[in-house]
Amino acid sequence: MDTIRSLAQDARSWPFEEARKLLARTGGAVPEKGYVLFETGYGPSGLPHIGTFGEVVRTTMVRRAFAALSDMPTKLFAFSDDMDGLRRVPDNVPDREMLAQHLDKPLTSVPDPFGTHESFGHHNNARLCAFLDAFGFEYEFQSATDCYRSGRFDAALLAVLRNYDEVMRVILPTLGKERQATYSPFLPVCPKTG
């Protein structure tokens, strides 16, 4: 056993503790897809910030601890929830009045107030990738818009639909009263209003 693996097995810091839990969940076997997936989420309703950095760095720390404990291949997906609706207009962007006209639309359907990308979501996704690249993170960017449009999520969406009552039984108790009243696992996009 090499020195790094030996040290990793005895390490008590939280990334190693979490990595050991993940290793136990895999049973020491490479998943069918050929790698262990680590994922971070980004809501591109605003520019990347210290919280974005913190999420990616913490996940990367666990991923590296996992690599020190195991030879299983890993991937890190930086997943952008760019189908989320624009809930409010950020203070630090130009043309706030224009953005206010697009509240509740998916971020990739909102015009880019900076005028540099196809949409506000695309602009912020590009900023995220530039931000992560500047710090040398190893990741694969994933866009909710791309996943939905390509049909990648279709099987999972159909499974949620088939098991709607059970999904609601599990999710509703985790939500506050106000959110319980409006929660749905589906938020379809209206073809007329966006």
C-alpha atoms as a PDB file:
ATOM      1  CA  MET A   1       0.000   0.000   0.000  1.00  0.00           C
ATOM      2  CA  ASP A   2       1.440   3.379  -0.934  1.00  0.00           C
ATOM      3  CA  THR A   3       1.991   6.126   1.611  1.00  0.00           C
ATOM      4  CA  ILE A   4      -0.801   8.406   0.369  1.00  0.00           C
ATOM      5  CA  ARG A   5      -3.397   5.639   0.507  1.00  0.00           C
ATOM      6  CA  SER A   6      -2.217   4.647   3.979  1.00  0.00           C
ATOM      7  CA  LEU A   7      -2.410   8.233   5.224  1.00  0.00           C
ATOM      8  CA  ALA A   8      -5.822   8.703   3.587  1.00  0.00           C
ATOM      9  CA  GLN A   9      -7.238   5.634   5.312  1.00  0.00           C
ATOM     10  CA  ASP A  10      -6.282   7.070   8.697  1.00  0.00           C
ATOM     11  CA  ALA A  11      -7.194  10.712   7.966  1.00  0.00           C
ATOM     12  CA  ARG A  12      -9.933  12.115  10.185  1.00  0.00           C
ATOM     13  CA  SER A  13     -10.702  15.364   8.385  1.00  0.00           C
ATOM     14  CA  TRP A  14     -14.245  15.664   7.055  1.00  0.00           C
ATOM     15  CA  PRO A  15     -13.413  15.198   3.329  1.00  0.00           C
ATOM     16  CA  PHE A  16     -11.935  11.789   4.123  1.00  0.00           C
ATOM     17  CA  GLU A  17     -14.842  10.902   6.418  1.00  0.00           C
ATOM     18  CA  GLU A  18     -17.287  11.734   3.612  1.00  0.00           C
ATOM     19  CA  ALA A  19     -15.158   9.913   1.033  1.00  0.00           C
ATOM     20  CA  ARG A  20     -15.151   6.772   3.185  1.00  0.00           C
ATOM     21  CA  LYS A  21     -18.960   6.919   3.400  1.00  0.00           C
ATOM     22  CA  LEU A  22     -19.157   7.152  -0.384  1.00  0.00           C
ATOM     23  CA  LEU A  23     -16.715   4.306  -0.806  1.00  0.00           C
ATOM     24  CA  ALA A  24     -18.877   2.180   1.505  1.00  0.00           C
ATOM     25  CA  ARG A  25     -21.977   3.073  -0.544  1.00  0.00           C
ATOM     26  CA  THR A  26     -20.311   1.789  -3.705  1.00  0.00           C
ATOM     27  CA  GLY A  27     -19.356  -1.455  -1.999  1.00  0.00           C
ATOM     28  CA  GLY A  28     -15.931  -0.964  -3.537  1.00  0.00           C
ATOM     29  CA  ALA A  29     -17.310  -1.622  -7.030  1.00  0.00           C
ATOM     30  CA  VAL A  30     -17.246   0.807  -9.932  1.00  0.00           C
ATOM     31  CA  PRO A  31     -20.828   1.817 -10.803  1.00  0.00           C
ATOM     32  CA  GLU A  32     -22.308   0.523 -14.047  1.00  0.00           C
ATOM     33  CA  LYS A  33     -21.781   3.912 -15.716  1.00  0.00           C
ATOM     34  CA  GLY A  34     -18.022   3.452 -15.211  1.00  0.00           C
ATOM     35  CA  TYR A  35     -17.325   6.188 -12.668  1.00  0.00           C
ATOM     36  CA  VAL A  36     -18.426   7.670  -9.357  1.00  0.00           C
ATOM     37  CA  LEU A  37     -20.261  10.934  -9.944  1.00  0.00           C
ATOM     38  CA  PHE A  38     -19.708  14.035  -7.831  1.00  0.00           C
ATOM     39  CA  GLU A  39     -21.972  16.967  -8.568  1.00  0.00           C
ATOM     40  CA  THR A  40     -22.372  20.616  -7.646  1.00  0.00           C
ATOM     41  CA  GLY A  41     -25.375  22.777  -8.406  1.00  0.00           C
ATOM     42  CA  TYR A  42     -25.424  26.359  -9.610  1.00  0.00           C
ATOM     43  CA  GLY A  43     -28.426  28.641  -9.905  1.00  0.00           C
ATOM     44  CA  PRO A  44     -27.470  31.087 -12.671  1.00  0.00           C
ATOM     45  CA  SER A  45     -29.914  33.802 -11.622  1.00  0.00           C
ATOM     46  CA  GLY A  46     -26.854  35.811 -10.634  1.00  0.00           C
ATOM     47  CA  LEU A  47     -23.131  35.864 -11.116  1.00  0.00           C
ATOM     48  CA  PRO A  48     -20.901  33.207  -9.504  1.00  0.00           C
ATOM     49  CA  HIS A  49     -19.788  34.229  -6.013  1.00  0.00           C
ATOM     50  CA  ILE A  50     -17.963  32.936  -2.926  1.00  0.00           C
ATOM     51  CA  GLY A  51     -20.797  30.507  -2.164  1.00  0.00           C
ATOM     52  CA  THR A  52     -20.459  29.024  -5.652  1.00  0.00           C
ATOM     53  CA  PHE A  53     -16.722  28.651  -5.107  1.00  0.00           C
ATOM     54  CA  GLY A  54     -17.298  27.057  -1.693  1.00  0.00           C
ATOM     55  CA  GLU A  55     -19.650  24.422  -3.063  1.00  0.00           C
ATOM     56  CA  VAL A  56     -17.257  23.419  -5.836  1.00  0.00           C
ATOM     57  CA  VAL A  57     -14.168  23.425  -3.614  1.00  0.00           C
ATOM     58  CA  ARG A  58     -15.849  21.321  -0.893  1.00  0.00           C
ATOM     59  CA  THR A  59     -17.046  18.780  -3.451  1.00  0.00           C
ATOM     60  CA  THR A  60     -13.587  18.726  -5.034  1.00  0.00           C
ATOM     61  CA  MET A  61     -12.004  18.113  -1.621  1.00  0.00           C
ATOM     62  CA  VAL A  62     -14.216  15.057  -1.081  1.00  0.00           C
ATOM     63  CA  ARG A  63     -13.541  13.880  -4.643  1.00  0.00           C
ATOM     64  CA  ARG A  64      -9.783  14.119  -4.107  1.00  0.00           C
ATOM     65  CA  ALA A  65     -10.052  12.327  -0.765  1.00  0.00           C
ATOM     66  CA  PHE A  66     -12.053   9.612  -2.538  1.00  0.00           C
ATOM     67  CA  ALA A  67      -9.309   9.327  -5.179  1.00  0.00           C
ATOM     68  CA  ALA A  68      -6.725   8.921  -2.419  1.00  0.00           C
ATOM     69  CA  LEU A  69      -8.772   6.045  -0.959  1.00  0.00           C
ATOM     70  CA  SER A  70      -9.795   4.312  -4.170  1.00  0.00           C
ATOM     71  CA  ASP A  71      -8.740   3.725  -7.755  1.00  0.00           C
ATOM     72  CA  MET A  72     -12.309   4.113  -9.028  1.00  0.00           C
ATOM     73  CA  PRO A  73     -12.691   6.715 -11.773  1.00  0.00           C
ATOM     74  CA  THR A  74     -14.625   9.847 -10.818  1.00  0.00           C
ATOM     75  CA  LYS A  75     -16.248  12.773 -12.580  1.00  0.00           C
ATOM     76  CA  LEU A  76     -17.396  16.131 -11.272  1.00  0.00           C
ATOM     77  CA  PHE A  77     -20.447  17.680 -12.922  1.00  0.00           C
ATOM     78  CA  ALA A  78     -21.021  21.393 -12.410  1.00  0.00           C
ATOM     79  CA  PHE A  79     -24.780  21.366 -12.989  1.00  0.00           C
ATOM     80  CA  SER A  80     -26.541  24.610 -13.857  1.00  0.00           C
ATOM     81  CA  ASP A  81     -30.212  24.839 -12.896  1.00  0.00           C
ATOM     82  CA  ASP A  82     -30.720  27.213 -15.814  1.00  0.00           C
ATOM     83  CA  MET A  83     -34.353  26.189 -16.329  1.00  0.00           C
ATOM     84  CA  ASP A  84     -35.200  27.809 -12.983  1.00  0.00           C
ATOM     85  CA  GLY A  85     -37.386  30.874 -13.288  1.00  0.00           C
ATOM     86  CA  LEU A  86     -35.979  34.352 -12.747  1.00  0.00           C
ATOM     87  CA  ARG A  87     -37.459  35.116  -9.318  1.00  0.00           C
ATOM     88  CA  ARG A  88     -36.038  38.604  -8.859  1.00  0.00           C
ATOM     89  CA  VAL A  89     -33.829  41.050 -10.700  1.00  0.00           C
ATOM     90  CA  PRO A  90     -30.258  41.102  -9.336  1.00  0.00           C
ATOM     91  CA  ASP A  91     -28.888  44.467  -8.201  1.00  0.00           C
ATOM     92  CA  ASN A  92     -25.549  44.080  -9.994  1.00  0.00           C
ATOM     93  CA  VAL A  93     -26.688  43.830 -13.628  1.00  0.00           C
ATOM     94  CA  PRO A  94     -27.459  46.391 -16.345  1.00  0.00           C
ATOM     95  CA  ASP A  95     -30.910  46.942 -17.862  1.00  0.00           C
ATOM     96  CA  ARG A  96     -32.815  45.890 -14.771  1.00  0.00           C
ATOM     97  CA  GLU A  97     -36.083  47.225 -16.204  1.00  0.00           C
ATOM     98  CA  MET A  98     -35.835  44.842 -19.157  1.00  0.00           C
ATOM     99  CA  LEU A  99     -35.132  41.907 -16.843  1.00  0.00           C
ATOM    100  CA  ALA A 100     -38.166  42.779 -14.717  1.00  0.00           C
ATOM    101  CA  GLN A 101     -40.349  42.059 -17.757  1.00  0.00           C
ATOM    102  CA  HIS A 102     -39.109  38.450 -17.758  1.00  0.00           C
ATOM    103  CA  LEU A 103     -39.708  37.410 -14.150  1.00  0.00           C
ATOM    104  CA  ASP A 104     -40.589  33.720 -13.690  1.00  0.00           C
ATOM    105  CA  LYS A 105     -39.308  32.743 -17.146  1.00  0.00           C
ATOM    106  CA  PRO A 106     -36.551  30.105 -17.393  1.00  0.00           C
ATOM    107  CA  LEU A 107     -33.156  31.787 -17.164  1.00  0.00           C
ATOM    108  CA  THR A 108     -32.213  30.536 -20.626  1.00  0.00           C
ATOM    109  CA  SER A 109     -35.337  32.266 -22.003  1.00  0.00           C
ATOM    110  CA  VAL A 110     -34.461  35.637 -20.443  1.00  0.00           C
ATOM    111  CA  PRO A 111     -32.515  38.058 -22.690  1.00  0.00           C
ATOM    112  CA  ASP A 112     -28.920  38.744 -21.652  1.00  0.00           C
ATOM    113  CA  PRO A 113     -28.759  42.264 -20.159  1.00  0.00           C
ATOM    114  CA  PHE A 114     -25.025  42.334 -20.909  1.00  0.00           C
ATOM    115  CA  GLY A 115     -25.688  41.681 -24.608  1.00  0.00           C
ATOM    116  CA  THR A 116     -22.934  39.082 -24.945  1.00  0.00           C
ATOM    117  CA  HIS A 117     -24.788  35.755 -24.921  1.00  0.00           C
ATOM    118  CA  GLU A 118     -27.947  34.060 -26.137  1.00  0.00           C
ATOM    119  CA  SER A 119     -29.640  34.541 -22.746  1.00  0.00           C
ATOM    120  CA  PHE A 120     -29.078  35.634 -19.155  1.00  0.00           C
ATOM    121  CA  GLY A 121     -28.683  31.959 -18.213  1.00  0.00           C
ATOM    122  CA  HIS A 122     -26.089  31.392 -20.946  1.00  0.00           C
ATOM    123  CA  HIS A 123     -24.207  34.523 -19.840  1.00  0.00           C
ATOM    124  CA  ASN A 124     -24.030  33.374 -16.232  1.00  0.00           C
ATOM    125  CA  ASN A 125     -23.147  29.812 -17.248  1.00  0.00           C
ATOM    126  CA  ALA A 126     -20.208  31.200 -19.244  1.00  0.00           C
ATOM    127  CA  ARG A 127     -19.168  33.257 -16.211  1.00  0.00           C
ATOM    128  CA  LEU A 128     -19.376  30.119 -14.049  1.00  0.00           C
ATOM    129  CA  CYS A 129     -17.120  28.157 -16.409  1.00  0.00           C
ATOM    130  CA  ALA A 130     -14.611  31.034 -16.630  1.00  0.00           C
ATOM    131  CA  PHE A 131     -14.666  31.284 -12.820  1.00  0.00           C
ATOM    132  CA  LEU A 132     -14.064  27.551 -12.327  1.00  0.00           C
ATOM    133  CA  ASP A 133     -11.418  27.448 -15.070  1.00  0.00           C
ATOM    134  CA  ALA A 134      -9.528  30.340 -13.446  1.00  0.00           C
ATOM    135  CA  PHE A 135      -9.131  28.228 -10.304  1.00  0.00           C
ATOM    136  CA  GLY A 136      -8.158  25.081 -12.210  1.00  0.00           C
ATOM    137  CA  PHE A 137     -11.147  22.925 -11.255  1.00  0.00           C
ATOM    138  CA  GLU A 138     -11.579  19.688 -13.198  1.00  0.00           C
ATOM    139  CA  TYR A 139     -15.273  19.423 -14.072  1.00  0.00           C
ATOM    140  CA  GLU A 140     -17.796  18.798 -16.816  1.00  0.00           C
ATOM    141  CA  PHE A 141     -20.405  21.500 -17.271  1.00  0.00           C
ATOM    142  CA  GLN A 142     -24.020  20.308 -17.471  1.00  0.00           C
ATOM    143  CA  SER A 143     -27.017  22.505 -18.322  1.00  0.00           C
ATOM    144  CA  ALA A 144     -30.570  21.683 -17.222  1.00  0.00           C
ATOM    145  CA  THR A 145     -31.823  23.288 -20.440  1.00  0.00           C
ATOM    146  CA  ASP A 146     -29.665  20.965 -22.534  1.00  0.00           C
ATOM    147  CA  CYS A 147     -30.641  17.921 -20.462  1.00  0.00           C
ATOM    148  CA  TYR A 148     -34.376  18.614 -20.746  1.00  0.00           C
ATOM    149  CA  ARG A 149     -34.289  19.509 -24.446  1.00  0.00           C
ATOM    150  CA  SER A 150     -32.201  16.468 -25.363  1.00  0.00           C
ATOM    151  CA  GLY A 151     -34.607  14.107 -23.590  1.00  0.00           C
ATOM    152  CA  ARG A 152     -31.950  13.005 -21.127  1.00  0.00           C
ATOM    153  CA  PHE A 153     -34.383  13.498 -18.218  1.00  0.00           C
ATOM    154  CA  ASP A 154     -37.421  11.961 -19.940  1.00  0.00           C
ATOM    155  CA  ALA A 155     -37.214   8.539 -18.274  1.00  0.00           C
ATOM    156  CA  ALA A 156     -36.850  10.076 -14.809  1.00  0.00           C
ATOM    157  CA  LEU A 157     -39.706  12.517 -15.438  1.00  0.00           C
ATOM    158  CA  LEU A 158     -41.969   9.682 -16.553  1.00  0.00           C
ATOM    159  CA  ALA A 159     -41.034   7.717 -13.422  1.00  0.00           C
ATOM    160  CA  VAL A 160     -41.965  10.717 -11.240  1.00  0.00           C
ATOM    161  CA  LEU A 161     -45.263  11.023 -13.098  1.00  0.00           C
ATOM    162  CA  ARG A 162     -46.035   7.314 -12.658  1.00  0.00           C
ATOM    163  CA  ASN A 163     -45.231   7.581  -8.939  1.00  0.00           C
ATOM    164  CA  TYR A 164     -46.656  11.058  -8.353  1.00  0.00           C
ATOM    165  CA  ASP A 165     -48.575  10.248  -5.155  1.00  0.00           C
ATOM    166  CA  GLU A 166     -45.599   8.537  -3.561  1.00  0.00           C
ATOM    167  CA  VAL A 167     -43.273  11.389  -4.565  1.00  0.00           C
ATOM    168  CA  MET A 168     -45.652  13.889  -2.972  1.00  0.00           C
ATOM    169  CA  ARG A 169     -45.887  11.755   0.193  1.00  0.00           C
ATOM    170  CA  VAL A 170     -42.101  11.883   0.531  1.00  0.00           C
ATOM    171  CA  ILE A 171     -41.476  15.512  -0.469  1.00  0.00           C
ATOM    172  CA  LEU A 172     -44.347  17.431   1.138  1.00  0.00           C
ATOM    173  CA  PRO A 173     -43.329  16.735   4.761  1.00  0.00           C
ATOM    174  CA  THR A 174     -39.926  18.278   4.022  1.00  0.00           C
ATOM    175  CA  LEU A 175     -41.456  21.611   2.961  1.00  0.00           C
ATOM    176  CA  GLY A 176     -42.898  24.527   4.900  1.00  0.00           C
ATOM    177  CA  LYS A 177     -46.679  25.042   4.924  1.00  0.00           C
ATOM    178  CA  GLU A 178     -46.624  27.819   2.322  1.00  0.00           C
ATOM    179  CA  ARG A 179     -44.493  25.803  -0.114  1.00  0.00           C
ATOM    180  CA  GLN A 180     -46.573  22.660   0.485  1.00  0.00           C
ATOM    181  CA  ALA A 181     -49.612  24.502  -0.864  1.00  0.00           C
ATOM    182  CA  THR A 182     -47.953  25.220  -4.223  1.00  0.00           C
ATOM    183  CA  TYR A 183     -45.408  22.422  -4.663  1.00  0.00           C
ATOM    184  CA  SER A 184     -45.348  20.338  -7.810  1.00  0.00           C
ATOM    185  CA  PRO A 185     -42.512  18.140  -9.081  1.00  0.00           C
ATOM    186  CA  PHE A 186     -43.357  19.494 -12.547  1.00  0.00           C
ATOM    187  CA  LEU A 187     -43.132  23.110 -13.640  1.00  0.00           C
ATOM    188  CA  PRO A 188     -44.035  23.052 -17.324  1.00  0.00           C
ATOM    189  CA  VAL A 189     -42.993  25.954 -19.523  1.00  0.00           C
ATOM    190  CA  CYS A 190     -45.902  27.616 -21.311  1.00  0.00           C
ATOM    191  CA  PRO A 191     -45.193  27.804 -25.061  1.00  0.00           C
ATOM    192  CA  LYS A 192     -47.052  31.155 -25.287  1.00  0.00           C
ATOM    193  CA  THR A 193     -45.730  33.071 -22.284  1.00  0.00           C
ATOM    194  CA  GLY A 194     -42.420  31.314 -21.690  1.00  0.00           C
END
